[in-house]
Structure formats: C-alpha cells, structure tokens
Amino acid sequence: MFVAYDVSLELIAELRVVMPANKRRDRNLADQIGRAATSVALNLAEGSCRTAGDRRRMYEIAHGFAAEVRAAIAVGIAWGWIDEPAALLATLDRLMGLLWRLTRSRC
C-alpha cells in the first residue's frame, strides 16, 4: 500500500515478541497494545482512500494510536514486565516519524 502502512505491519509483527510477557502480567494492557497497533494499520489503510482533510484526520488518528502503543510499551518496561525492545522501539520511532510527516503534509 505505502511505506507507513508497511511499517505499521512490521510493528505488529515485532509486538508479537513482547505480547506474551505483557499478557501474563496485565491482560488489559496487552489487549490495549494489540487494539492500538491494529488501529494504526486500519486508520492508515482507510486514510489512503480518503481525500485531503479526511486523509489527514485518519493519519492523525493513526499517530495517536501509535503514541498509545509507545506509552503502553513504556508502562510494561517501567513495571519490569518486559525488557526494553530496542528493535521494536526503532520501528515505532520510524513509524511515528512517517506519521508525523503525513499529518504535516498538505494533502
């Protein structure tokens, strides 16, 4: 589809590594991570079929959900439930950079 969408799917694949540890400690947090990451991909897909302002709004929503994933991972790290997943955080940073650019462009 496009790069940000592809990176959102990479993020989901990388989240599969940390999800079991989060789920053992806090099922609600793991569920929240899964729903937020899924929403990133779905909003990107939907936004790619919209025009101008609608497109930007969908990308802004995706950006918000990506920030939610970042916060939930930080919570898991802070609680000591997971070790800092460097590769996952790098993918998340890349995705958030792409989303930032999409929300600032003039569609």
C-alpha atoms as a PDB file:
ATOM      1  CA  MET A   1       0.000   0.000   0.000  1.00  0.00           C
ATOM      2  CA  PHE A   2       2.509   2.609   1.162  1.00  0.00           C
ATOM      3  CA  VAL A   3       5.534   2.821   3.443  1.00  0.00           C
ATOM      4  CA  ALA A   4       3.779   3.886   6.667  1.00  0.00           C
ATOM      5  CA  TYR A   5       1.249   1.074   6.296  1.00  0.00           C
ATOM      6  CA  ASP A   6       4.026  -1.466   5.682  1.00  0.00           C
ATOM      7  CA  VAL A   7       5.909  -0.229   8.760  1.00  0.00           C
ATOM      8  CA  SER A   8       2.716  -0.490  10.839  1.00  0.00           C
ATOM      9  CA  LEU A   9       2.542  -4.175   9.895  1.00  0.00           C
ATOM     10  CA  GLU A  10       6.231  -4.587  10.806  1.00  0.00           C
ATOM     11  CA  LEU A  11       5.404  -3.096  14.196  1.00  0.00           C
ATOM     12  CA  ILE A  12       2.591  -5.590  14.724  1.00  0.00           C
ATOM     13  CA  ALA A  13       4.908  -8.475  13.823  1.00  0.00           C
ATOM     14  CA  GLU A  14       7.524  -7.205  16.295  1.00  0.00           C
ATOM     15  CA  LEU A  15       4.916  -6.733  19.023  1.00  0.00           C
ATOM     16  CA  ARG A  16       4.194 -10.460  18.935  1.00  0.00           C
ATOM     17  CA  VAL A  17       7.507 -10.942  20.775  1.00  0.00           C
ATOM     18  CA  VAL A  18       6.556  -8.788  23.794  1.00  0.00           C
ATOM     19  CA  MET A  19       2.850  -9.527  23.940  1.00  0.00           C
ATOM     20  CA  PRO A  20       3.066 -12.840  25.849  1.00  0.00           C
ATOM     21  CA  ALA A  21       5.051 -11.273  28.708  1.00  0.00           C
ATOM     22  CA  ASN A  22       2.658  -8.326  28.916  1.00  0.00           C
ATOM     23  CA  LYS A  23      -0.342 -10.637  28.737  1.00  0.00           C
ATOM     24  CA  ARG A  24       0.924 -12.747  31.656  1.00  0.00           C
ATOM     25  CA  ARG A  25       1.237  -9.641  33.834  1.00  0.00           C
ATOM     26  CA  ASP A  26      -1.624  -7.465  32.611  1.00  0.00           C
ATOM     27  CA  ARG A  27      -4.125  -8.802  30.100  1.00  0.00           C
ATOM     28  CA  ASN A  28      -5.774  -5.394  29.764  1.00  0.00           C
ATOM     29  CA  LEU A  29      -2.515  -3.688  28.847  1.00  0.00           C
ATOM     30  CA  ALA A  30      -1.718  -6.389  26.288  1.00  0.00           C
ATOM     31  CA  ASP A  31      -5.208  -6.034  24.831  1.00  0.00           C
ATOM     32  CA  GLN A  32      -4.782  -2.247  24.663  1.00  0.00           C
ATOM     33  CA  ILE A  33      -1.453  -2.620  22.840  1.00  0.00           C
ATOM     34  CA  GLY A  34      -2.995  -5.011  20.339  1.00  0.00           C
ATOM     35  CA  ARG A  35      -6.026  -2.838  19.674  1.00  0.00           C
ATOM     36  CA  ALA A  36      -3.954   0.338  19.339  1.00  0.00           C
ATOM     37  CA  ALA A  37      -1.436  -1.252  16.951  1.00  0.00           C
ATOM     38  CA  THR A  38      -4.260  -2.702  14.868  1.00  0.00           C
ATOM     39  CA  SER A  39      -5.929   0.701  14.763  1.00  0.00           C
ATOM     40  CA  VAL A  40      -2.744   2.270  13.388  1.00  0.00           C
ATOM     41  CA  ALA A  41      -2.781  -0.063  10.385  1.00  0.00           C
ATOM     42  CA  LEU A  42      -6.536   0.218   9.854  1.00  0.00           C
ATOM     43  CA  ASN A  43      -6.562   4.016  10.012  1.00  0.00           C
ATOM     44  CA  LEU A  44      -3.657   4.200   7.568  1.00  0.00           C
ATOM     45  CA  ALA A  45      -5.486   1.920   5.150  1.00  0.00           C
ATOM     46  CA  GLU A  46      -8.699   3.903   5.470  1.00  0.00           C
ATOM     47  CA  GLY A  47      -6.888   7.229   5.184  1.00  0.00           C
ATOM     48  CA  SER A  48      -5.185   6.201   1.976  1.00  0.00           C
ATOM     49  CA  CYS A  49      -8.627   6.019   0.341  1.00  0.00           C
ATOM     50  CA  ARG A  50      -9.782   9.421   1.607  1.00  0.00           C
ATOM     51  CA  THR A  51      -9.140  12.900   0.286  1.00  0.00           C
ATOM     52  CA  ALA A  52      -7.342  15.942   1.730  1.00  0.00           C
ATOM     53  CA  GLY A  53      -8.673  16.814   5.193  1.00  0.00           C
ATOM     54  CA  ASP A  54     -10.272  13.410   5.766  1.00  0.00           C
ATOM     55  CA  ARG A  55      -6.996  11.714   4.873  1.00  0.00           C
ATOM     56  CA  ARG A  56      -5.013  13.888   7.255  1.00  0.00           C
ATOM     57  CA  ARG A  57      -7.529  13.238  10.051  1.00  0.00           C
ATOM     58  CA  MET A  58      -7.182   9.464   9.628  1.00  0.00           C
ATOM     59  CA  TYR A  59      -3.390   9.811   9.731  1.00  0.00           C
ATOM     60  CA  GLU A  60      -3.675  11.947  12.882  1.00  0.00           C
ATOM     61  CA  ILE A  61      -5.761   9.207  14.489  1.00  0.00           C
ATOM     62  CA  ALA A  62      -3.156   6.612  13.468  1.00  0.00           C
ATOM     63  CA  HIS A  63      -0.445   8.821  15.001  1.00  0.00           C
ATOM     64  CA  GLY A  64      -2.397   8.978  18.257  1.00  0.00           C
ATOM     65  CA  PHE A  65      -2.735   5.208  18.383  1.00  0.00           C
ATOM     66  CA  ALA A  66       0.998   4.812  17.696  1.00  0.00           C
ATOM     67  CA  ALA A  67       1.680   7.118  20.656  1.00  0.00           C
ATOM     68  CA  GLU A  68      -0.607   4.896  22.721  1.00  0.00           C
ATOM     69  CA  VAL A  69       1.430   1.837  21.733  1.00  0.00           C
ATOM     70  CA  ARG A  70       4.613   3.673  22.726  1.00  0.00           C
ATOM     71  CA  ALA A  71       3.136   4.593  26.129  1.00  0.00           C
ATOM     72  CA  ALA A  72       1.897   1.051  26.763  1.00  0.00           C
ATOM     73  CA  ILE A  73       5.321  -0.396  25.951  1.00  0.00           C
ATOM     74  CA  ALA A  74       6.885   2.182  28.300  1.00  0.00           C
ATOM     75  CA  VAL A  75       4.481   1.064  31.037  1.00  0.00           C
ATOM     76  CA  GLY A  76       5.485  -2.573  30.546  1.00  0.00           C
ATOM     77  CA  ILE A  77       9.158  -1.598  30.737  1.00  0.00           C
ATOM     78  CA  ALA A  78       8.579   0.582  33.815  1.00  0.00           C
ATOM     79  CA  TRP A  79       6.816  -2.275  35.603  1.00  0.00           C
ATOM     80  CA  GLY A  80       9.671  -4.593  34.689  1.00  0.00           C
ATOM     81  CA  TRP A  81       7.374  -6.921  32.768  1.00  0.00           C
ATOM     82  CA  ILE A  82       9.417  -6.633  29.585  1.00  0.00           C
ATOM     83  CA  ASP A  83      12.976  -5.666  28.738  1.00  0.00           C
ATOM     84  CA  GLU A  84      13.391  -2.652  26.502  1.00  0.00           C
ATOM     85  CA  PRO A  85      12.757  -3.978  22.979  1.00  0.00           C
ATOM     86  CA  ALA A  86      15.294  -1.921  21.000  1.00  0.00           C
ATOM     87  CA  ALA A  87      14.277  -3.131  17.524  1.00  0.00           C
ATOM     88  CA  LEU A  88      10.587  -2.662  18.243  1.00  0.00           C
ATOM     89  CA  LEU A  89      11.162   0.854  19.577  1.00  0.00           C
ATOM     90  CA  ALA A  90      13.229   1.698  16.483  1.00  0.00           C
ATOM     91  CA  THR A  91      10.367   0.535  14.257  1.00  0.00           C
ATOM     92  CA  LEU A  92       7.908   2.521  16.353  1.00  0.00           C
ATOM     93  CA  ASP A  93      10.100   5.641  16.094  1.00  0.00           C
ATOM     94  CA  ARG A  94      10.286   5.210  12.330  1.00  0.00           C
ATOM     95  CA  LEU A  95       6.515   4.796  12.112  1.00  0.00           C
ATOM     96  CA  MET A  96       5.861   7.839  14.278  1.00  0.00           C
ATOM     97  CA  GLY A  97       8.215   9.879  12.107  1.00  0.00           C
ATOM     98  CA  LEU A  98       6.369   8.799   8.985  1.00  0.00           C
ATOM     99  CA  LEU A  99       3.037   9.587  10.617  1.00  0.00           C
ATOM    100  CA  TRP A 100       4.263  12.978  11.782  1.00  0.00           C
ATOM    101  CA  ARG A 101       5.213  13.795   8.206  1.00  0.00           C
ATOM    102  CA  LEU A 102       1.843  12.571   6.893  1.00  0.00           C
ATOM    103  CA  THR A 103      -0.038  14.743   9.365  1.00  0.00           C
ATOM    104  CA  ARG A 104       2.010  17.811   8.432  1.00  0.00           C
ATOM    105  CA  SER A 105       1.832  17.455   4.646  1.00  0.00           C
ATOM    106  CA  ARG A 106      -0.622  19.346   2.523  1.00  0.00           C
ATOM    107  CA  CYS A 107      -2.749  16.527   1.140  1.00  0.00           C
END
